[in-house]
Amino acid sequence: MPLPPSIRVLAPSLSLDHSSKTAILSLDDFTRLIAFALERVVVDEDWYIARYLDVREDAQASGSESYAIEHYRTHGFLEGRLPHDPVVDEEWYRKYYPDIDEAIRLGREIDAKSHFIEQGYQEGRTPGPDAPPAVGTPSAAADRRAGRLVKRTPISPVAVRL
């Protein structure tokens, strides 16, 4: 089984302050760490370019075959963009998020998938019961399937030195 690179190799400037629950690292190391984390994320280049007009224009101008992948890994993730067309369980989403169900019934939202793509993803909502938990708790997915709300634990703040 392959090992990940040492954190000291990925982010040699990393400094942890456990008392304030803060991580401090250089912008270069932060970028390298994010790139490593996103290495295996599948980016549907055709969907990504069709979805994001600014990326399409830049991709055409650059002539790069893999512009969408590069953009997602260096900018898109940090901008809250989706890497591919998500599968949204309409029935579950409406049941689990009653505010969205009501908005759809009142005509303020088109459907669950549209809401998830436009807002839900950035709000930390999940597209269905089998989606990875928004928080790293092992029971979060089971709680979602059972319709119980999952308590969100914020990630420790990260300070980036420029």
C-alpha atoms as a PDB file:
ATOM      1  CA  MET A   1       0.000   0.000   0.000  1.00  0.00           C
ATOM      2  CA  PRO A   2       1.526   3.361  -1.004  1.00  0.00           C
ATOM      3  CA  LEU A   3       2.338   5.919   1.658  1.00  0.00           C
ATOM      4  CA  PRO A   4       1.512   9.608   1.314  1.00  0.00           C
ATOM      5  CA  PRO A   5       4.457  11.967   1.265  1.00  0.00           C
ATOM      6  CA  SER A   6       5.587  13.245   4.630  1.00  0.00           C
ATOM      7  CA  ILE A   7       3.781  16.393   5.760  1.00  0.00           C
ATOM      8  CA  ARG A   8       7.240  17.920   6.266  1.00  0.00           C
ATOM      9  CA  VAL A   9       7.928  17.361   2.557  1.00  0.00           C
ATOM     10  CA  LEU A  10       4.540  18.681   1.438  1.00  0.00           C
ATOM     11  CA  ALA A  11       4.469  21.626   3.821  1.00  0.00           C
ATOM     12  CA  PRO A  12       7.856  22.275   5.456  1.00  0.00           C
ATOM     13  CA  SER A  13       6.654  25.635   6.811  1.00  0.00           C
ATOM     14  CA  LEU A  14       3.732  24.056   8.697  1.00  0.00           C
ATOM     15  CA  SER A  15       3.481  25.175  12.296  1.00  0.00           C
ATOM     16  CA  LEU A  16       0.684  23.918  14.560  1.00  0.00           C
ATOM     17  CA  ASP A  17      -0.504  25.821  17.599  1.00  0.00           C
ATOM     18  CA  HIS A  18      -2.619  23.342  19.527  1.00  0.00           C
ATOM     19  CA  SER A  19      -3.673  25.845  22.171  1.00  0.00           C
ATOM     20  CA  SER A  20      -5.330  28.130  19.609  1.00  0.00           C
ATOM     21  CA  LYS A  21      -6.143  25.243  17.234  1.00  0.00           C
ATOM     22  CA  THR A  22      -4.394  27.112  14.422  1.00  0.00           C
ATOM     23  CA  ALA A  23      -2.211  25.928  11.577  1.00  0.00           C
ATOM     24  CA  ILE A  24       0.172  28.385   9.959  1.00  0.00           C
ATOM     25  CA  LEU A  25       1.920  27.715   6.661  1.00  0.00           C
ATOM     26  CA  SER A  26       3.264  29.548   3.651  1.00  0.00           C
ATOM     27  CA  LEU A  27       1.049  30.153   0.635  1.00  0.00           C
ATOM     28  CA  ASP A  28       3.280  27.871  -1.473  1.00  0.00           C
ATOM     29  CA  ASP A  29       2.944  25.040   1.052  1.00  0.00           C
ATOM     30  CA  PHE A  30      -0.796  25.616   1.348  1.00  0.00           C
ATOM     31  CA  THR A  31      -1.117  25.390  -2.449  1.00  0.00           C
ATOM     32  CA  ARG A  32       1.025  22.239  -2.530  1.00  0.00           C
ATOM     33  CA  LEU A  33      -1.078  20.632   0.218  1.00  0.00           C
ATOM     34  CA  ILE A  34      -4.344  21.440  -1.597  1.00  0.00           C
ATOM     35  CA  ALA A  35      -2.935  20.112  -4.881  1.00  0.00           C
ATOM     36  CA  PHE A  36      -1.976  16.850  -3.170  1.00  0.00           C
ATOM     37  CA  ALA A  37      -5.435  16.517  -1.615  1.00  0.00           C
ATOM     38  CA  LEU A  38      -7.120  17.113  -4.989  1.00  0.00           C
ATOM     39  CA  GLU A  39      -4.821  14.850  -7.014  1.00  0.00           C
ATOM     40  CA  ARG A  40      -7.393  12.039  -7.273  1.00  0.00           C
ATOM     41  CA  VAL A  41     -10.507  14.182  -7.709  1.00  0.00           C
ATOM     42  CA  VAL A  42     -12.053  13.435 -11.085  1.00  0.00           C
ATOM     43  CA  VAL A  43     -12.663  16.579 -13.112  1.00  0.00           C
ATOM     44  CA  ASP A  44     -15.084  16.228 -16.024  1.00  0.00           C
ATOM     45  CA  GLU A  45     -13.378  18.682 -18.348  1.00  0.00           C
ATOM     46  CA  ASP A  46     -16.294  18.987 -20.776  1.00  0.00           C
ATOM     47  CA  TRP A  47     -18.821  19.630 -17.979  1.00  0.00           C
ATOM     48  CA  TYR A  48     -16.500  22.006 -16.114  1.00  0.00           C
ATOM     49  CA  ILE A  49     -15.801  24.094 -19.208  1.00  0.00           C
ATOM     50  CA  ALA A  50     -19.486  24.138 -20.182  1.00  0.00           C
ATOM     51  CA  ARG A  51     -20.544  25.088 -16.628  1.00  0.00           C
ATOM     52  CA  TYR A  52     -18.062  27.895 -16.029  1.00  0.00           C
ATOM     53  CA  LEU A  53     -17.983  30.448 -18.849  1.00  0.00           C
ATOM     54  CA  ASP A  54     -14.823  32.182 -17.587  1.00  0.00           C
ATOM     55  CA  VAL A  55     -12.965  28.855 -17.601  1.00  0.00           C
ATOM     56  CA  ARG A  56     -14.208  28.107 -21.117  1.00  0.00           C
ATOM     57  CA  GLU A  57     -12.877  31.441 -22.385  1.00  0.00           C
ATOM     58  CA  ASP A  58      -9.519  30.937 -20.651  1.00  0.00           C
ATOM     59  CA  ALA A  59      -9.270  27.337 -21.891  1.00  0.00           C
ATOM     60  CA  GLN A  60      -9.833  28.466 -25.466  1.00  0.00           C
ATOM     61  CA  ALA A  61      -7.262  31.222 -25.101  1.00  0.00           C
ATOM     62  CA  SER A  62      -4.654  28.922 -23.536  1.00  0.00           C
ATOM     63  CA  GLY A  63      -5.128  26.055 -25.979  1.00  0.00           C
ATOM     64  CA  SER A  64      -4.297  23.623 -23.163  1.00  0.00           C
ATOM     65  CA  GLU A  65      -5.950  20.194 -23.382  1.00  0.00           C
ATOM     66  CA  SER A  66      -6.082  19.857 -19.595  1.00  0.00           C
ATOM     67  CA  TYR A  67      -6.904  23.458 -18.679  1.00  0.00           C
ATOM     68  CA  ALA A  68     -10.066  22.504 -16.759  1.00  0.00           C
ATOM     69  CA  ILE A  69      -8.192  20.061 -14.520  1.00  0.00           C
ATOM     70  CA  GLU A  70      -5.415  22.558 -13.884  1.00  0.00           C
ATOM     71  CA  HIS A  71      -7.939  25.319 -13.172  1.00  0.00           C
ATOM     72  CA  TYR A  72      -9.961  23.225 -10.730  1.00  0.00           C
ATOM     73  CA  ARG A  73      -6.904  22.109  -8.786  1.00  0.00           C
ATOM     74  CA  THR A  74      -5.279  25.535  -8.589  1.00  0.00           C
ATOM     75  CA  HIS A  75      -8.306  27.862  -8.419  1.00  0.00           C
ATOM     76  CA  GLY A  76     -11.697  26.195  -8.811  1.00  0.00           C
ATOM     77  CA  PHE A  77     -11.689  24.205  -5.579  1.00  0.00           C
ATOM     78  CA  LEU A  78     -10.759  27.269  -3.538  1.00  0.00           C
ATOM     79  CA  GLU A  79     -13.487  29.225  -5.350  1.00  0.00           C
ATOM     80  CA  GLY A  80     -16.098  26.619  -4.365  1.00  0.00           C
ATOM     81  CA  ARG A  81     -16.619  25.213  -7.872  1.00  0.00           C
ATOM     82  CA  LEU A  82     -17.746  21.667  -8.548  1.00  0.00           C
ATOM     83  CA  PRO A  83     -15.392  19.381 -10.515  1.00  0.00           C
ATOM     84  CA  HIS A  84     -18.164  17.459 -12.292  1.00  0.00           C
ATOM     85  CA  ASP A  85     -21.921  17.188 -12.668  1.00  0.00           C
ATOM     86  CA  PRO A  86     -23.137  15.917  -9.279  1.00  0.00           C
ATOM     87  CA  VAL A  87     -25.727  13.211  -8.813  1.00  0.00           C
ATOM     88  CA  VAL A  88     -28.388  14.641  -6.499  1.00  0.00           C
ATOM     89  CA  ASP A  89     -30.999  12.382  -4.894  1.00  0.00           C
ATOM     90  CA  GLU A  90     -34.029  14.643  -5.395  1.00  0.00           C
ATOM     91  CA  GLU A  91     -36.340  12.830  -2.966  1.00  0.00           C
ATOM     92  CA  TRP A  92     -33.745  12.537  -0.208  1.00  0.00           C
ATOM     93  CA  TYR A  93     -32.518  16.132  -0.618  1.00  0.00           C
ATOM     94  CA  ARG A  94     -36.031  17.524  -0.321  1.00  0.00           C
ATOM     95  CA  LYS A  95     -36.786  15.349   2.700  1.00  0.00           C
ATOM     96  CA  TYR A  96     -33.483  16.047   4.462  1.00  0.00           C
ATOM     97  CA  TYR A  97     -33.589  19.787   3.708  1.00  0.00           C
ATOM     98  CA  PRO A  98     -37.199  20.861   4.340  1.00  0.00           C
ATOM     99  CA  ASP A  99     -36.319  24.505   3.639  1.00  0.00           C
ATOM    100  CA  ILE A 100     -35.402  23.523   0.080  1.00  0.00           C
ATOM    101  CA  ASP A 101     -38.514  21.382  -0.289  1.00  0.00           C
ATOM    102  CA  GLU A 102     -40.619  24.399   0.668  1.00  0.00           C
ATOM    103  CA  ALA A 103     -38.666  26.693  -1.682  1.00  0.00           C
ATOM    104  CA  ILE A 104     -39.286  24.239  -4.555  1.00  0.00           C
ATOM    105  CA  ARG A 105     -43.003  23.984  -3.718  1.00  0.00           C
ATOM    106  CA  LEU A 106     -43.237  27.801  -3.654  1.00  0.00           C
ATOM    107  CA  GLY A 107     -41.369  28.139  -6.956  1.00  0.00           C
ATOM    108  CA  ARG A 108     -38.323  29.902  -5.470  1.00  0.00           C
ATOM    109  CA  GLU A 109     -36.111  26.971  -6.501  1.00  0.00           C
ATOM    110  CA  ILE A 110     -36.375  24.831  -9.645  1.00  0.00           C
ATOM    111  CA  ASP A 111     -35.342  21.498  -8.161  1.00  0.00           C
ATOM    112  CA  ALA A 112     -32.920  19.934  -5.684  1.00  0.00           C
ATOM    113  CA  LYS A 113     -30.098  19.493  -8.195  1.00  0.00           C
ATOM    114  CA  SER A 114     -30.231  23.112  -9.304  1.00  0.00           C
ATOM    115  CA  HIS A 115     -30.175  24.243  -5.687  1.00  0.00           C
ATOM    116  CA  PHE A 116     -27.253  21.982  -4.845  1.00  0.00           C
ATOM    117  CA  ILE A 117     -25.209  23.200  -7.818  1.00  0.00           C
ATOM    118  CA  GLU A 118     -26.009  26.880  -7.302  1.00  0.00           C
ATOM    119  CA  GLN A 119     -25.881  27.083  -3.493  1.00  0.00           C
ATOM    120  CA  GLY A 120     -26.087  23.803  -1.609  1.00  0.00           C
ATOM    121  CA  TYR A 121     -22.547  22.622  -2.298  1.00  0.00           C
ATOM    122  CA  GLN A 122     -21.065  25.878  -1.024  1.00  0.00           C
ATOM    123  CA  GLU A 123     -23.358  25.765   2.013  1.00  0.00           C
ATOM    124  CA  GLY A 124     -21.941  22.347   2.946  1.00  0.00           C
ATOM    125  CA  ARG A 125     -25.084  20.395   2.049  1.00  0.00           C
ATOM    126  CA  THR A 126     -24.709  16.885   0.678  1.00  0.00           C
ATOM    127  CA  PRO A 127     -26.434  15.628  -2.486  1.00  0.00           C
ATOM    128  CA  GLY A 128     -27.697  12.350  -1.048  1.00  0.00           C
ATOM    129  CA  PRO A 129     -27.548   9.857   1.806  1.00  0.00           C
ATOM    130  CA  ASP A 130     -24.482   8.052   0.472  1.00  0.00           C
ATOM    131  CA  ALA A 131     -22.427  11.170  -0.196  1.00  0.00           C
ATOM    132  CA  PRO A 132     -19.286  11.593   1.890  1.00  0.00           C
ATOM    133  CA  PRO A 133     -20.072  13.389   5.142  1.00  0.00           C
ATOM    134  CA  ALA A 134     -19.598  17.135   5.237  1.00  0.00           C
ATOM    135  CA  VAL A 135     -17.771  16.587   8.501  1.00  0.00           C
ATOM    136  CA  GLY A 136     -15.217  13.877   9.189  1.00  0.00           C
ATOM    137  CA  THR A 137     -17.311  11.962  11.698  1.00  0.00           C
ATOM    138  CA  PRO A 138     -17.762   8.248  10.973  1.00  0.00           C
ATOM    139  CA  SER A 139     -21.438   8.311  11.930  1.00  0.00           C
ATOM    140  CA  ALA A 140     -22.369  11.326   9.799  1.00  0.00           C
ATOM    141  CA  ALA A 141     -23.455   9.294   6.742  1.00  0.00           C
ATOM    142  CA  ALA A 142     -25.553   6.941   8.904  1.00  0.00           C
ATOM    143  CA  ASP A 143     -27.132   9.922  10.667  1.00  0.00           C
ATOM    144  CA  ARG A 144     -28.034  11.427   7.289  1.00  0.00           C
ATOM    145  CA  ARG A 145     -29.618   8.174   6.077  1.00  0.00           C
ATOM    146  CA  ALA A 146     -31.695   8.113   9.250  1.00  0.00           C
ATOM    147  CA  GLY A 147     -32.722  11.726   8.691  1.00  0.00           C
ATOM    148  CA  ARG A 148     -30.931  13.037  11.785  1.00  0.00           C
ATOM    149  CA  LEU A 149     -29.169  16.377  11.582  1.00  0.00           C
ATOM    150  CA  VAL A 150     -25.394  16.187  11.653  1.00  0.00           C
ATOM    151  CA  LYS A 151     -23.573  18.619  13.929  1.00  0.00           C
ATOM    152  CA  ARG A 152     -20.941  20.420  11.903  1.00  0.00           C
ATOM    153  CA  THR A 153     -17.547  20.874  13.468  1.00  0.00           C
ATOM    154  CA  PRO A 154     -15.616  23.778  11.954  1.00  0.00           C
ATOM    155  CA  ILE A 155     -12.180  23.098  10.560  1.00  0.00           C
ATOM    156  CA  SER A 156      -9.412  24.747  12.515  1.00  0.00           C
ATOM    157  CA  PRO A 157      -8.601  28.146  11.043  1.00  0.00           C
ATOM    158  CA  VAL A 158      -5.608  28.262   8.749  1.00  0.00           C
ATOM    159  CA  ALA A 159      -3.493  31.376   8.578  1.00  0.00           C
ATOM    160  CA  VAL A 160      -1.533  31.857   5.395  1.00  0.00           C
ATOM    161  CA  ARG A 161       1.650  33.936   5.522  1.00  0.00           C
ATOM    162  CA  LEU A 162       2.253  35.818   2.297  1.00  0.00           C
END
